């Protein structure tokens, strides 16, 4: 994927492109800037010991996986990725946006590009486990008007996005 300019809600332009090995340090730095709450909401723990492994999975993804980054003036401000599951045509999706970039449309832009790539690759459903208190991720999913179903299992929401039901204007 070539780098694509996307217009954010505040009128600024960010560049979205597929991550590669050269982005490893920027991905680690993005994770390092998270507050304790954001770290917990994304990784389900306050002190993830696997940040380097996570960054490598984004910058050198396994076969069938895709990871995108959004850059604003050369700074990585968000990442989104999917990894195929063991079930056919399904992929686990995740989005992380820098705290000071929330509500600018970074996550929306990343998710939109990721959906397009996934559909072209034969992915028909995105699935995700989201903590029930992760309001930012839930807001991203609902405000994007995606066809989602949610099942609650204690404090975790199992989210399914049916990519086949997405129309061109979504």
C-alpha atoms as a PDB file:
ATOM      1  CA  UNK A   1       0.000   0.000   0.000  1.00  0.00           C
ATOM      2  CA  UNK A   2       1.300   3.383  -0.981  1.00  0.00           C
ATOM      3  CA  UNK A   3       1.099   6.196   1.531  1.00  0.00           C
ATOM      4  CA  UNK A   4      -2.316   7.873   1.399  1.00  0.00           C
ATOM      5  CA  UNK A   5      -3.212  11.340   2.624  1.00  0.00           C
ATOM      6  CA  UNK A   6      -6.329  11.400   4.804  1.00  0.00           C
ATOM      7  CA  UNK A   7      -8.179  14.457   6.033  1.00  0.00           C
ATOM      8  CA  UNK A   8      -8.779  14.445   9.778  1.00  0.00           C
ATOM      9  CA  UNK A   9     -11.782  15.983  11.547  1.00  0.00           C
ATOM     10  CA  UNK A  10      -9.833  19.149  12.370  1.00  0.00           C
ATOM     11  CA  UNK A  11      -8.854  19.680   8.721  1.00  0.00           C
ATOM     12  CA  UNK A  12      -5.273  18.488   9.178  1.00  0.00           C
ATOM     13  CA  UNK A  13      -3.815  15.862   6.880  1.00  0.00           C
ATOM     14  CA  UNK A  14      -2.240  12.633   8.077  1.00  0.00           C
ATOM     15  CA  UNK A  15      -0.422  10.059   6.001  1.00  0.00           C
ATOM     16  CA  UNK A  16      -1.557   6.437   6.318  1.00  0.00           C
ATOM     17  CA  UNK A  17       0.661   3.621   5.113  1.00  0.00           C
ATOM     18  CA  UNK A  18       1.577   0.036   5.808  1.00  0.00           C
ATOM     19  CA  UNK A  19       4.096  -0.282   8.626  1.00  0.00           C
ATOM     20  CA  UNK A  20       7.500  -1.861   8.018  1.00  0.00           C
ATOM     21  CA  UNK A  21      10.654  -2.720   9.959  1.00  0.00           C
ATOM     22  CA  UNK A  22      11.807   0.915   9.856  1.00  0.00           C
ATOM     23  CA  UNK A  23       8.770   1.849  11.994  1.00  0.00           C
ATOM     24  CA  UNK A  24       9.695  -0.409  14.944  1.00  0.00           C
ATOM     25  CA  UNK A  25      11.099   2.365  17.171  1.00  0.00           C
ATOM     26  CA  UNK A  26       8.139   4.650  16.420  1.00  0.00           C
ATOM     27  CA  UNK A  27       5.681   1.898  17.403  1.00  0.00           C
ATOM     28  CA  UNK A  28       7.520   1.274  20.691  1.00  0.00           C
ATOM     29  CA  UNK A  29       7.588   5.025  21.339  1.00  0.00           C
ATOM     30  CA  UNK A  30       3.840   5.253  20.686  1.00  0.00           C
ATOM     31  CA  UNK A  31       3.240   2.532  23.283  1.00  0.00           C
ATOM     32  CA  UNK A  32       5.558   4.296  25.733  1.00  0.00           C
ATOM     33  CA  UNK A  33       3.448   7.462  25.572  1.00  0.00           C
ATOM     34  CA  UNK A  34       0.288   5.706  26.773  1.00  0.00           C
ATOM     35  CA  UNK A  35      -1.152   6.542  30.156  1.00  0.00           C
ATOM     36  CA  UNK A  36      -1.655   3.680  32.607  1.00  0.00           C
ATOM     37  CA  UNK A  37      -5.357   3.612  31.761  1.00  0.00           C
ATOM     38  CA  UNK A  38      -4.739   3.527  28.004  1.00  0.00           C
ATOM     39  CA  UNK A  39      -2.138   0.796  28.418  1.00  0.00           C
ATOM     40  CA  UNK A  40      -4.609  -1.274  30.461  1.00  0.00           C
ATOM     41  CA  UNK A  41      -7.436  -0.752  27.974  1.00  0.00           C
ATOM     42  CA  UNK A  42      -5.294  -1.788  25.000  1.00  0.00           C
ATOM     43  CA  UNK A  43      -3.217  -4.612  26.491  1.00  0.00           C
ATOM     44  CA  UNK A  44      -5.509  -5.733  29.370  1.00  0.00           C
ATOM     45  CA  UNK A  45      -2.619  -5.127  31.792  1.00  0.00           C
ATOM     46  CA  UNK A  46      -0.864  -2.104  33.299  1.00  0.00           C
ATOM     47  CA  UNK A  47       2.609  -3.437  32.662  1.00  0.00           C
ATOM     48  CA  UNK A  48       2.732  -5.312  29.376  1.00  0.00           C
ATOM     49  CA  UNK A  49       6.002  -7.182  29.080  1.00  0.00           C
ATOM     50  CA  UNK A  50       5.558  -7.863  25.405  1.00  0.00           C
ATOM     51  CA  UNK A  51       5.738  -4.377  23.851  1.00  0.00           C
ATOM     52  CA  UNK A  52       8.760  -5.281  21.714  1.00  0.00           C
ATOM     53  CA  UNK A  53       6.991  -8.418  20.454  1.00  0.00           C
ATOM     54  CA  UNK A  54       3.850  -6.393  19.774  1.00  0.00           C
ATOM     55  CA  UNK A  55       5.846  -3.776  17.858  1.00  0.00           C
ATOM     56  CA  UNK A  56       7.549  -6.501  15.824  1.00  0.00           C
ATOM     57  CA  UNK A  57       4.178  -8.089  14.994  1.00  0.00           C
ATOM     58  CA  UNK A  58       3.097  -4.732  13.549  1.00  0.00           C
ATOM     59  CA  UNK A  59       6.306  -3.896  11.709  1.00  0.00           C
ATOM     60  CA  UNK A  60       7.018  -7.432  10.470  1.00  0.00           C
ATOM     61  CA  UNK A  61       3.554  -9.007  10.437  1.00  0.00           C
ATOM     62  CA  UNK A  62       2.965 -12.711   9.880  1.00  0.00           C
ATOM     63  CA  UNK A  63       1.488 -13.973   6.617  1.00  0.00           C
ATOM     64  CA  UNK A  64      -1.989 -12.616   5.996  1.00  0.00           C
ATOM     65  CA  UNK A  65      -1.729  -9.899   8.641  1.00  0.00           C
ATOM     66  CA  UNK A  66      -1.711  -6.180   7.879  1.00  0.00           C
ATOM     67  CA  UNK A  67      -0.642  -3.231  10.028  1.00  0.00           C
ATOM     68  CA  UNK A  68      -1.129   0.420   9.149  1.00  0.00           C
ATOM     69  CA  UNK A  69       0.276   3.545  10.730  1.00  0.00           C
ATOM     70  CA  UNK A  70      -0.947   7.135  10.631  1.00  0.00           C
ATOM     71  CA  UNK A  71       1.717   9.825  10.596  1.00  0.00           C
ATOM     72  CA  UNK A  72       1.147  13.494  11.368  1.00  0.00           C
ATOM     73  CA  UNK A  73       4.137  15.663  10.432  1.00  0.00           C
ATOM     74  CA  UNK A  74       6.384  12.598  10.557  1.00  0.00           C
ATOM     75  CA  UNK A  75       5.186  11.419  13.986  1.00  0.00           C
ATOM     76  CA  UNK A  76       3.373   8.097  14.371  1.00  0.00           C
ATOM     77  CA  UNK A  77       0.021   8.997  15.962  1.00  0.00           C
ATOM     78  CA  UNK A  78      -1.906   5.757  15.531  1.00  0.00           C
ATOM     79  CA  UNK A  79      -1.760   2.146  14.413  1.00  0.00           C
ATOM     80  CA  UNK A  80      -4.369  -0.373  13.331  1.00  0.00           C
ATOM     81  CA  UNK A  81      -3.896  -3.977  12.389  1.00  0.00           C
ATOM     82  CA  UNK A  82      -5.599  -7.243  11.717  1.00  0.00           C
ATOM     83  CA  UNK A  83      -4.388 -10.803  12.125  1.00  0.00           C
ATOM     84  CA  UNK A  84      -6.268 -13.739  10.585  1.00  0.00           C
ATOM     85  CA  UNK A  85      -7.880 -16.065  13.115  1.00  0.00           C
ATOM     86  CA  UNK A  86      -8.112 -19.831  12.803  1.00  0.00           C
ATOM     87  CA  UNK A  87     -11.652 -19.403  11.476  1.00  0.00           C
ATOM     88  CA  UNK A  88     -11.878 -18.780   7.718  1.00  0.00           C
ATOM     89  CA  UNK A  89     -12.504 -15.212   6.550  1.00  0.00           C
ATOM     90  CA  UNK A  90     -12.147 -13.765  10.071  1.00  0.00           C
ATOM     91  CA  UNK A  91      -9.442 -11.523  11.456  1.00  0.00           C
ATOM     92  CA  UNK A  92      -8.807  -9.997  14.849  1.00  0.00           C
ATOM     93  CA  UNK A  93      -8.619  -6.215  14.635  1.00  0.00           C
ATOM     94  CA  UNK A  94      -7.016  -3.676  16.958  1.00  0.00           C
ATOM     95  CA  UNK A  95      -6.578   0.098  16.908  1.00  0.00           C
ATOM     96  CA  UNK A  96      -4.361   2.304  19.052  1.00  0.00           C
ATOM     97  CA  UNK A  97      -4.296   6.097  18.843  1.00  0.00           C
ATOM     98  CA  UNK A  98      -2.023   8.394  20.814  1.00  0.00           C
ATOM     99  CA  UNK A  99      -3.853  10.049  23.709  1.00  0.00           C
ATOM    100  CA  UNK A 100      -3.406  13.599  22.432  1.00  0.00           C
ATOM    101  CA  UNK A 101      -4.756  12.545  19.016  1.00  0.00           C
ATOM    102  CA  UNK A 102      -8.153  11.234  20.173  1.00  0.00           C
ATOM    103  CA  UNK A 103     -11.248  12.677  18.505  1.00  0.00           C
ATOM    104  CA  UNK A 104      -9.325  13.884  15.437  1.00  0.00           C
ATOM    105  CA  UNK A 105     -10.422  10.976  13.253  1.00  0.00           C
ATOM    106  CA  UNK A 106      -7.101   9.101  13.281  1.00  0.00           C
ATOM    107  CA  UNK A 107      -8.706   5.824  14.378  1.00  0.00           C
ATOM    108  CA  UNK A 108     -11.560   6.265  11.922  1.00  0.00           C
ATOM    109  CA  UNK A 109      -9.136   6.819   9.039  1.00  0.00           C
ATOM    110  CA  UNK A 110      -7.007   3.823   9.989  1.00  0.00           C
ATOM    111  CA  UNK A 111      -9.989   1.525  10.461  1.00  0.00           C
ATOM    112  CA  UNK A 112     -11.509   2.618   7.154  1.00  0.00           C
ATOM    113  CA  UNK A 113      -8.316   1.869   5.227  1.00  0.00           C
ATOM    114  CA  UNK A 114      -7.903  -1.438   7.057  1.00  0.00           C
ATOM    115  CA  UNK A 115     -11.460  -2.491   6.187  1.00  0.00           C
ATOM    116  CA  UNK A 116     -10.815  -1.803   2.499  1.00  0.00           C
ATOM    117  CA  UNK A 117      -7.658  -3.923   2.498  1.00  0.00           C
ATOM    118  CA  UNK A 118      -9.338  -6.708   4.469  1.00  0.00           C
ATOM    119  CA  UNK A 119     -12.298  -6.931   2.116  1.00  0.00           C
ATOM    120  CA  UNK A 120      -9.989  -7.117  -0.901  1.00  0.00           C
ATOM    121  CA  UNK A 121      -8.104  -9.922   0.862  1.00  0.00           C
ATOM    122  CA  UNK A 122     -11.240 -11.981   1.495  1.00  0.00           C
ATOM    123  CA  UNK A 123     -11.747 -11.110   5.170  1.00  0.00           C
ATOM    124  CA  UNK A 124     -15.485 -11.009   5.882  1.00  0.00           C
ATOM    125  CA  UNK A 125     -15.522 -10.373   9.643  1.00  0.00           C
ATOM    126  CA  UNK A 126     -13.392  -8.385  12.039  1.00  0.00           C
ATOM    127  CA  UNK A 127     -13.492  -9.644  15.614  1.00  0.00           C
ATOM    128  CA  UNK A 128     -12.124  -8.017  18.740  1.00  0.00           C
ATOM    129  CA  UNK A 129     -12.100  -8.394  22.482  1.00  0.00           C
ATOM    130  CA  UNK A 130     -12.700  -4.978  24.021  1.00  0.00           C
ATOM    131  CA  UNK A 131     -12.850  -4.162  27.701  1.00  0.00           C
ATOM    132  CA  UNK A 132     -16.321  -2.865  28.539  1.00  0.00           C
ATOM    133  CA  UNK A 133     -14.848   0.365  29.929  1.00  0.00           C
ATOM    134  CA  UNK A 134     -12.876   1.103  26.733  1.00  0.00           C
ATOM    135  CA  UNK A 135     -15.117   3.984  25.712  1.00  0.00           C
ATOM    136  CA  UNK A 136     -12.746   5.271  23.029  1.00  0.00           C
ATOM    137  CA  UNK A 137     -12.788   1.992  21.081  1.00  0.00           C
ATOM    138  CA  UNK A 138     -16.523   1.539  21.533  1.00  0.00           C
ATOM    139  CA  UNK A 139     -17.115   5.116  20.352  1.00  0.00           C
ATOM    140  CA  UNK A 140     -14.907   4.482  17.303  1.00  0.00           C
ATOM    141  CA  UNK A 141     -16.924   1.403  16.385  1.00  0.00           C
ATOM    142  CA  UNK A 142     -20.361   2.923  16.949  1.00  0.00           C
ATOM    143  CA  UNK A 143     -19.657   6.342  15.428  1.00  0.00           C
ATOM    144  CA  UNK A 144     -18.266   4.642  12.325  1.00  0.00           C
ATOM    145  CA  UNK A 145     -21.776   3.174  11.860  1.00  0.00           C
ATOM    146  CA  UNK A 146     -20.333  -0.275  11.259  1.00  0.00           C
ATOM    147  CA  UNK A 147     -22.580  -3.347  11.330  1.00  0.00           C
ATOM    148  CA  UNK A 148     -21.482  -4.758  14.678  1.00  0.00           C
ATOM    149  CA  UNK A 149     -22.736  -7.322  17.097  1.00  0.00           C
ATOM    150  CA  UNK A 150     -21.534  -7.396  20.690  1.00  0.00           C
ATOM    151  CA  UNK A 151     -21.662 -10.192  23.232  1.00  0.00           C
ATOM    152  CA  UNK A 152     -20.635  -9.490  26.792  1.00  0.00           C
ATOM    153  CA  UNK A 153     -18.594 -11.991  28.786  1.00  0.00           C
ATOM    154  CA  UNK A 154     -18.054 -10.420  32.220  1.00  0.00           C
ATOM    155  CA  UNK A 155     -15.887  -7.309  31.686  1.00  0.00           C
ATOM    156  CA  UNK A 156     -14.971  -8.167  28.086  1.00  0.00           C
ATOM    157  CA  UNK A 157     -17.064  -7.415  25.025  1.00  0.00           C
ATOM    158  CA  UNK A 158     -16.688  -9.768  22.071  1.00  0.00           C
ATOM    159  CA  UNK A 159     -17.216  -7.572  19.035  1.00  0.00           C
ATOM    160  CA  UNK A 160     -17.940  -8.831  15.518  1.00  0.00           C
ATOM    161  CA  UNK A 161     -17.956  -6.462  12.538  1.00  0.00           C
ATOM    162  CA  UNK A 162     -19.638  -7.941   9.461  1.00  0.00           C
ATOM    163  CA  UNK A 163     -17.599  -6.493   6.596  1.00  0.00           C
ATOM    164  CA  UNK A 164     -20.037  -7.906   4.016  1.00  0.00           C
ATOM    165  CA  UNK A 165     -22.727  -5.517   5.266  1.00  0.00           C
ATOM    166  CA  UNK A 166     -20.633  -2.364   4.899  1.00  0.00           C
ATOM    167  CA  UNK A 167     -21.824  -0.048   2.168  1.00  0.00           C
ATOM    168  CA  UNK A 168     -19.643   2.249   0.072  1.00  0.00           C
ATOM    169  CA  UNK A 169     -20.518   5.347   2.128  1.00  0.00           C
ATOM    170  CA  UNK A 170     -19.435   3.828   5.464  1.00  0.00           C
END
